[in-house]
Amino acid sequence: MWFKVLIVINLLLILISLFSGVFFLAKDNGNSNRVVTSLTTRVALSVFLICLLIVGYLTGQITPHGVAG
């Protein structure tokens, strides 16, 4: 269960980084690197999420669900 909570927290952090990047893009007048930092953080969190999903699948913490019957 804790593994799925970690995935959801990671997704929320990605969303926070996304919206902070949009905010900095709108409010900064090209005077700082906060947009680039936000993008870098979002990419790093996304790579971490992919690694979490792979590890979760390989260890059996998460399983795929088929739609076909």
N, C-alpha and C. Protein backbone atom coordinates (compact mmCIF):
# COMPACT_ATOMS: atom_id res chain seq x y z
N MET A 1 0.81 -1.19 0.00
CA MET A 1 0.00 0.00 0.00
C MET A 1 0.86 1.26 0.00
N TRP A 2 1.96 1.24 0.75
CA TRP A 2 2.82 2.42 0.83
C TRP A 2 3.43 2.75 -0.52
N PHE A 3 3.61 1.74 -1.35
CA PHE A 3 4.21 1.96 -2.66
C PHE A 3 3.28 2.79 -3.55
N LYS A 4 2.00 2.49 -3.50
CA LYS A 4 1.02 3.25 -4.28
C LYS A 4 0.89 4.67 -3.76
N VAL A 5 1.00 4.85 -2.46
CA VAL A 5 0.97 6.19 -1.88
C VAL A 5 2.17 7.00 -2.35
N LEU A 6 3.32 6.35 -2.44
CA LEU A 6 4.53 7.02 -2.93
C LEU A 6 4.36 7.46 -4.39
N ILE A 7 3.70 6.65 -5.18
CA ILE A 7 3.44 7.00 -6.58
C ILE A 7 2.49 8.20 -6.67
N VAL A 8 1.45 8.20 -5.85
CA VAL A 8 0.50 9.32 -5.87
C VAL A 8 1.17 10.61 -5.40
N ILE A 9 2.00 10.53 -4.37
CA ILE A 9 2.73 11.71 -3.90
C ILE A 9 3.64 12.24 -5.00
N ASN A 10 4.30 11.35 -5.71
CA ASN A 10 5.17 11.76 -6.81
C ASN A 10 4.37 12.45 -7.90
N LEU A 11 3.20 11.93 -8.23
CA LEU A 11 2.33 12.57 -9.23
C LEU A 11 1.91 13.97 -8.78
N LEU A 12 1.59 14.12 -7.50
CA LEU A 12 1.22 15.43 -6.98
C LEU A 12 2.39 16.41 -7.05
N LEU A 13 3.58 15.94 -6.76
CA LEU A 13 4.77 16.80 -6.87
C LEU A 13 5.02 17.22 -8.31
N ILE A 14 4.76 16.34 -9.26
CA ILE A 14 4.90 16.69 -10.67
C ILE A 14 3.90 17.77 -11.04
N LEU A 15 2.67 17.65 -10.57
CA LEU A 15 1.65 18.67 -10.85
C LEU A 15 2.01 20.01 -10.22
N ILE A 16 2.52 19.99 -9.00
CA ILE A 16 2.94 21.23 -8.34
C ILE A 16 4.06 21.89 -9.13
N SER A 17 5.00 21.10 -9.59
CA SER A 17 6.09 21.64 -10.39
C SER A 17 5.59 22.22 -11.71
N LEU A 18 4.61 21.56 -12.31
CA LEU A 18 4.02 22.05 -13.55
C LEU A 18 3.37 23.41 -13.35
N PHE A 19 2.53 23.53 -12.33
CA PHE A 19 1.84 24.79 -12.10
C PHE A 19 2.77 25.90 -11.62
N SER A 20 3.82 25.54 -10.88
CA SER A 20 4.78 26.58 -10.50
C SER A 20 5.55 27.07 -11.72
N GLY A 21 5.84 26.19 -12.66
CA GLY A 21 6.49 26.62 -13.90
C GLY A 21 5.61 27.55 -14.71
N VAL A 22 4.30 27.25 -14.77
CA VAL A 22 3.37 28.13 -15.48
C VAL A 22 3.30 29.48 -14.78
N PHE A 23 3.26 29.48 -13.46
CA PHE A 23 3.22 30.73 -12.71
C PHE A 23 4.47 31.56 -12.96
N PHE A 24 5.64 30.93 -12.89
CA PHE A 24 6.89 31.66 -13.12
C PHE A 24 6.99 32.17 -14.55
N LEU A 25 6.47 31.40 -15.48
CA LEU A 25 6.49 31.83 -16.88
C LEU A 25 5.64 33.07 -17.08
N ALA A 26 4.52 33.14 -16.38
CA ALA A 26 3.62 34.28 -16.52
C ALA A 26 4.11 35.51 -15.74
N LYS A 27 4.71 35.30 -14.57
CA LYS A 27 5.06 36.42 -13.70
C LYS A 27 6.48 36.94 -13.89
N ASP A 28 7.43 36.07 -14.19
CA ASP A 28 8.81 36.52 -14.41
C ASP A 28 8.91 37.15 -15.78
N ASN A 29 9.67 38.19 -15.88
CA ASN A 29 9.87 38.85 -17.17
C ASN A 29 11.21 38.46 -17.79
N GLY A 30 11.55 37.19 -17.66
CA GLY A 30 12.81 36.71 -18.22
C GLY A 30 14.01 37.08 -17.37
N ASN A 31 13.76 37.41 -16.10
CA ASN A 31 14.83 37.86 -15.23
C ASN A 31 15.45 36.75 -14.39
N SER A 32 14.84 35.58 -14.37
CA SER A 32 15.37 34.51 -13.53
C SER A 32 15.29 33.17 -14.26
N ASN A 33 15.88 32.17 -13.63
CA ASN A 33 15.91 30.82 -14.20
C ASN A 33 14.92 29.90 -13.50
N ARG A 34 13.89 30.46 -12.88
CA ARG A 34 12.96 29.63 -12.12
C ARG A 34 12.14 28.72 -13.02
N VAL A 35 11.86 29.12 -14.24
CA VAL A 35 11.11 28.26 -15.16
C VAL A 35 11.96 27.05 -15.55
N VAL A 36 13.24 27.30 -15.80
CA VAL A 36 14.14 26.20 -16.15
C VAL A 36 14.30 25.25 -14.97
N THR A 37 14.40 25.79 -13.78
CA THR A 37 14.51 24.95 -12.59
C THR A 37 13.25 24.11 -12.39
N SER A 38 12.10 24.71 -12.63
CA SER A 38 10.85 23.97 -12.51
C SER A 38 10.77 22.84 -13.54
N LEU A 39 11.19 23.12 -14.76
CA LEU A 39 11.18 22.09 -15.79
C LEU A 39 12.16 20.96 -15.45
N THR A 40 13.32 21.31 -14.96
CA THR A 40 14.31 20.30 -14.57
C THR A 40 13.77 19.42 -13.45
N THR A 41 13.13 20.05 -12.48
CA THR A 41 12.53 19.29 -11.37
C THR A 41 11.45 18.36 -11.87
N ARG A 42 10.61 18.85 -12.78
CA ARG A 42 9.52 18.02 -13.31
C ARG A 42 10.06 16.83 -14.10
N VAL A 43 11.09 17.04 -14.87
CA VAL A 43 11.68 15.93 -15.64
C VAL A 43 12.30 14.91 -14.70
N ALA A 44 13.00 15.37 -13.67
CA ALA A 44 13.61 14.45 -12.71
C ALA A 44 12.54 13.65 -11.97
N LEU A 45 11.45 14.31 -11.58
CA LEU A 45 10.37 13.60 -10.90
C LEU A 45 9.69 12.59 -11.83
N SER A 46 9.59 12.93 -13.10
CA SER A 46 8.98 12.00 -14.07
C SER A 46 9.86 10.77 -14.27
N VAL A 47 11.17 10.97 -14.34
CA VAL A 47 12.09 9.83 -14.46
C VAL A 47 11.99 8.95 -13.21
N PHE A 48 11.90 9.60 -12.05
CA PHE A 48 11.74 8.85 -10.80
C PHE A 48 10.43 8.07 -10.79
N LEU A 49 9.36 8.66 -11.33
CA LEU A 49 8.07 7.97 -11.40
C LEU A 49 8.16 6.74 -12.31
N ILE A 50 8.82 6.87 -13.43
CA ILE A 50 8.98 5.73 -14.34
C ILE A 50 9.78 4.62 -13.66
N CYS A 51 10.83 5.00 -12.94
CA CYS A 51 11.61 4.00 -12.21
C CYS A 51 10.77 3.33 -11.13
N LEU A 52 9.94 4.13 -10.43
CA LEU A 52 9.05 3.54 -9.42
C LEU A 52 8.08 2.54 -10.04
N LEU A 53 7.52 2.89 -11.19
CA LEU A 53 6.58 1.98 -11.85
C LEU A 53 7.26 0.69 -12.29
N ILE A 54 8.47 0.79 -12.79
CA ILE A 54 9.20 -0.40 -13.22
C ILE A 54 9.52 -1.29 -12.02
N VAL A 55 10.02 -0.68 -10.95
CA VAL A 55 10.36 -1.45 -9.75
C VAL A 55 9.10 -2.06 -9.15
N GLY A 56 8.01 -1.31 -9.13
CA GLY A 56 6.76 -1.84 -8.60
C GLY A 56 6.24 -3.01 -9.40
N TYR A 57 6.37 -2.94 -10.70
CA TYR A 57 5.94 -4.05 -11.55
C TYR A 57 6.82 -5.28 -11.35
N LEU A 58 8.12 -5.07 -11.30
CA LEU A 58 9.05 -6.20 -11.16
C LEU A 58 8.95 -6.88 -9.80
N THR A 59 8.64 -6.11 -8.76
CA THR A 59 8.53 -6.70 -7.43
C THR A 59 7.12 -7.20 -7.12
N GLY A 60 6.16 -6.93 -8.00
CA GLY A 60 4.81 -7.40 -7.79
C GLY A 60 3.95 -6.47 -6.95
N GLN A 61 4.45 -5.29 -6.65
CA GLN A 61 3.67 -4.33 -5.87
C GLN A 61 2.47 -3.81 -6.65
N ILE A 62 2.64 -3.64 -7.97
CA ILE A 62 1.56 -3.21 -8.84
C ILE A 62 1.45 -4.21 -9.98
N THR A 63 0.21 -4.43 -10.43
CA THR A 63 -0.01 -5.37 -11.53
C THR A 63 -0.87 -4.71 -12.58
N PRO A 64 -0.63 -5.01 -13.84
CA PRO A 64 -1.47 -4.45 -14.90
C PRO A 64 -2.83 -5.12 -14.91
N HIS A 65 -3.83 -4.37 -15.35
CA HIS A 65 -5.19 -4.90 -15.46
C HIS A 65 -5.59 -4.90 -16.92
N GLY A 66 -6.07 -6.02 -17.37
CA GLY A 66 -6.53 -6.13 -18.75
C GLY A 66 -8.00 -5.75 -18.87
N VAL A 67 -8.36 -5.16 -20.00
CA VAL A 67 -9.73 -4.78 -20.23
C VAL A 67 -10.48 -5.91 -20.93
N ALA A 68 -9.78 -6.65 -21.78
CA ALA A 68 -10.41 -7.73 -22.54
C ALA A 68 -10.81 -8.86 -21.59
N GLY A 69 -11.91 -9.51 -21.92
CA GLY A 69 -12.40 -10.57 -21.06
C GLY A 69 -12.25 -11.93 -21.58
